Amino acid sequence: MTPAVKVLEKSGIDFALATYEHDARHPAYGEEAADALGLATHEVFKTLLARLDNGCLVMALVPVSGQLDLKALARSAGARKASLAEVEEAERATGYVVGGISPLGQKKRLPVFVDASAAGLAHCHVSGGRRGLEIRLAPRDLVELLNADFASLAR
């Protein structure tokens, strides 16, 4: 039971868990999840942390089929620049290890931006807080739980 799953259970939101055997040889965690679970890569969202030029950390959720546009994230967050957080910084801020960083149940509450492509989906998948665990839920429920904003972030 991860902190992410505990948050969802307390919320009463409809969700489902899916597990798969993590293969350390796979080069990309989100694509591994999509492959292992037979999901479309535009429905599986990776959780990325970025540092803005004002020093604040923010979280971005983008489909694994795309890449995070750091300029778009900076604009959405009201900053001029953004850069990806270092692995150690992301793990320290979230309490999760890279490849298993869930947007839910993190140690520190961060501003969150979800790629606008999620708004048109009935369901999306995000990490459940460990490698090999995915959460399926409605994007609107995810945005509400995270107090997040939809923004065009992926290219």
Protein backbone atom coordinates (compact mmCIF):
# COMPACT_ATOMS: atom_id res chain seq x y z
CA MET A 1 0.00 0.00 0.00
CA THR A 2 1.62 3.22 -1.16
CA PRO A 3 0.80 6.76 0.01
CA ALA A 4 -0.80 7.37 -3.41
CA VAL A 5 -3.21 4.48 -2.98
CA LYS A 6 -4.04 5.60 0.57
CA VAL A 7 -4.92 9.08 -0.73
CA LEU A 8 -7.26 7.59 -3.31
CA GLU A 9 -8.93 5.25 -0.84
CA LYS A 10 -9.62 8.16 1.52
CA SER A 11 -10.95 10.32 -1.33
CA GLY A 12 -13.72 7.96 -2.40
CA ILE A 13 -12.80 8.53 -6.05
CA ASP A 14 -13.26 5.64 -8.47
CA PHE A 15 -9.90 4.14 -9.43
CA ALA A 16 -8.29 0.84 -10.35
CA LEU A 17 -4.82 -0.56 -9.81
CA ALA A 18 -2.79 -2.48 -12.35
CA THR A 19 0.48 -4.22 -11.61
CA TYR A 20 3.24 -5.60 -13.79
CA GLU A 21 6.69 -7.04 -13.24
CA HIS A 22 9.19 -4.18 -13.54
CA ASP A 23 12.15 -4.97 -15.78
CA ALA A 24 15.22 -2.95 -14.75
CA ARG A 25 16.58 -3.34 -18.29
CA HIS A 26 13.72 -1.32 -19.81
CA PRO A 27 15.01 2.17 -20.70
CA ALA A 28 11.81 4.17 -20.06
CA TYR A 29 9.49 3.57 -17.09
CA GLY A 30 6.28 4.99 -18.58
CA GLU A 31 6.68 3.18 -21.86
CA GLU A 32 7.42 0.01 -19.93
CA ALA A 33 4.11 0.39 -18.08
CA ALA A 34 2.21 0.97 -21.33
CA ASP A 35 3.85 -2.05 -22.98
CA ALA A 36 3.38 -4.36 -20.00
CA LEU A 37 -0.27 -3.42 -19.49
CA GLY A 38 -1.25 -3.11 -23.16
CA LEU A 39 -2.09 0.59 -22.85
CA ALA A 40 -1.84 3.37 -25.41
CA THR A 41 1.12 5.64 -24.62
CA HIS A 42 -1.07 8.75 -24.83
CA GLU A 43 -3.10 7.44 -21.85
CA VAL A 44 -0.11 6.81 -19.57
CA PHE A 45 1.24 9.95 -17.90
CA LYS A 46 4.72 10.42 -16.50
CA THR A 47 5.27 12.59 -13.44
CA LEU A 48 8.11 15.07 -13.87
CA LEU A 49 9.44 17.68 -11.47
CA ALA A 50 10.93 20.95 -12.63
CA ARG A 51 12.57 23.91 -10.93
CA LEU A 52 11.42 27.35 -12.03
CA ASP A 53 13.74 30.35 -12.31
CA ASN A 54 12.21 31.67 -9.08
CA GLY A 55 13.48 28.58 -7.25
CA CYS A 56 10.11 26.85 -6.82
CA LEU A 57 9.52 23.21 -7.72
CA VAL A 58 6.49 22.30 -9.83
CA MET A 59 5.12 19.02 -11.09
CA ALA A 60 4.13 18.29 -14.69
CA LEU A 61 2.17 15.28 -15.95
CA VAL A 62 2.63 14.55 -19.63
CA PRO A 63 1.81 11.50 -21.74
CA VAL A 64 4.69 9.10 -22.24
CA SER A 65 4.09 9.47 -25.99
CA GLY A 66 5.42 13.05 -25.78
CA GLN A 67 8.05 15.19 -24.16
CA LEU A 68 7.68 17.99 -21.64
CA ASP A 69 8.03 21.44 -23.20
CA LEU A 70 9.87 23.29 -20.42
CA LYS A 71 9.07 26.71 -21.91
CA ALA A 72 5.35 25.88 -21.91
CA LEU A 73 5.58 24.69 -18.31
CA ALA A 74 7.36 27.88 -17.27
CA ARG A 75 4.67 30.01 -18.97
CA SER A 76 1.89 28.00 -17.31
CA ALA A 77 3.54 28.48 -13.92
CA GLY A 78 4.08 32.22 -14.43
CA ALA A 79 7.86 31.93 -14.74
CA ARG A 80 10.39 32.70 -17.47
CA LYS A 81 12.36 29.44 -17.36
CA ALA A 82 12.09 25.90 -16.07
CA SER A 83 14.57 23.05 -15.93
CA LEU A 84 14.09 19.43 -14.94
CA ALA A 85 14.84 18.74 -11.29
CA GLU A 86 17.77 16.50 -10.48
CA VAL A 87 16.88 12.89 -9.62
CA GLU A 88 17.87 13.27 -5.96
CA GLU A 89 15.84 16.47 -5.62
CA ALA A 90 12.76 14.85 -7.18
CA GLU A 91 13.03 11.82 -4.91
CA ARG A 92 13.57 13.96 -1.81
CA ALA A 93 10.60 16.23 -2.57
CA THR A 94 8.18 13.43 -3.40
CA GLY A 95 9.25 10.56 -1.16
CA TYR A 96 9.21 8.24 -4.18
CA VAL A 97 11.96 6.80 -6.37
CA VAL A 98 12.29 7.79 -10.02
CA GLY A 99 10.23 5.44 -12.16
CA GLY A 100 7.70 5.20 -9.37
CA ILE A 101 6.97 8.87 -8.64
CA SER A 102 3.24 9.22 -8.25
CA PRO A 103 1.59 12.63 -8.43
CA LEU A 104 -0.48 11.55 -5.41
CA GLY A 105 0.63 11.17 -1.80
CA GLN A 106 3.86 13.10 -2.11
CA LYS A 107 5.75 14.36 0.92
CA LYS A 108 5.55 17.96 -0.27
CA ARG A 109 2.53 19.61 -1.91
CA LEU A 110 3.65 21.19 -5.19
CA PRO A 111 1.86 23.18 -7.89
CA VAL A 112 0.72 20.69 -10.54
CA PHE A 113 0.10 21.04 -14.26
CA VAL A 114 -1.48 18.24 -16.30
CA ASP A 115 -1.11 18.20 -20.06
CA ALA A 116 -4.34 19.33 -21.71
CA SER A 117 -4.49 16.12 -23.76
CA ALA A 118 -5.72 14.36 -20.61
CA ALA A 119 -8.92 16.42 -20.55
CA GLY A 120 -10.29 14.51 -23.53
CA LEU A 121 -9.66 11.07 -22.06
CA ALA A 122 -12.17 8.99 -20.13
CA HIS A 123 -9.30 7.55 -18.06
CA CYS A 124 -5.59 8.06 -17.68
CA HIS A 125 -2.89 6.09 -15.91
CA VAL A 126 -0.29 7.45 -13.49
CA SER A 127 2.29 5.80 -11.30
CA GLY A 128 0.96 4.25 -8.14
CA GLY A 129 4.04 5.11 -6.11
CA ARG A 130 6.37 2.26 -7.02
CA ARG A 131 7.77 0.74 -10.16
CA GLY A 132 5.30 -1.82 -11.48
CA LEU A 133 2.14 -0.18 -10.10
CA GLU A 134 -0.20 2.01 -12.15
CA ILE A 135 -3.39 3.82 -11.17
CA ARG A 136 -6.29 4.20 -13.59
CA LEU A 137 -8.63 7.11 -12.91
CA ALA A 138 -10.57 9.90 -14.60
CA PRO A 139 -8.35 12.89 -15.46
CA ARG A 140 -10.85 15.33 -13.96
CA ASP A 141 -10.70 13.43 -10.66
CA LEU A 142 -6.90 13.54 -10.76
CA VAL A 143 -6.89 17.29 -11.42
CA GLU A 144 -9.37 17.86 -8.61
CA LEU A 145 -7.40 15.76 -6.11
CA LEU A 146 -4.17 17.54 -6.97
CA ASN A 147 -5.72 21.01 -7.22
CA ALA A 148 -3.99 21.03 -10.62
CA ASP A 149 -4.47 22.97 -13.83
CA PHE A 150 -4.72 21.64 -17.37
CA ALA A 151 -2.10 23.22 -19.66
CA SER A 152 -0.55 22.49 -23.05
CA LEU A 153 2.76 20.99 -21.91
CA ALA A 154 3.68 18.18 -24.29
CA ARG A 155 5.30 18.33 -27.65
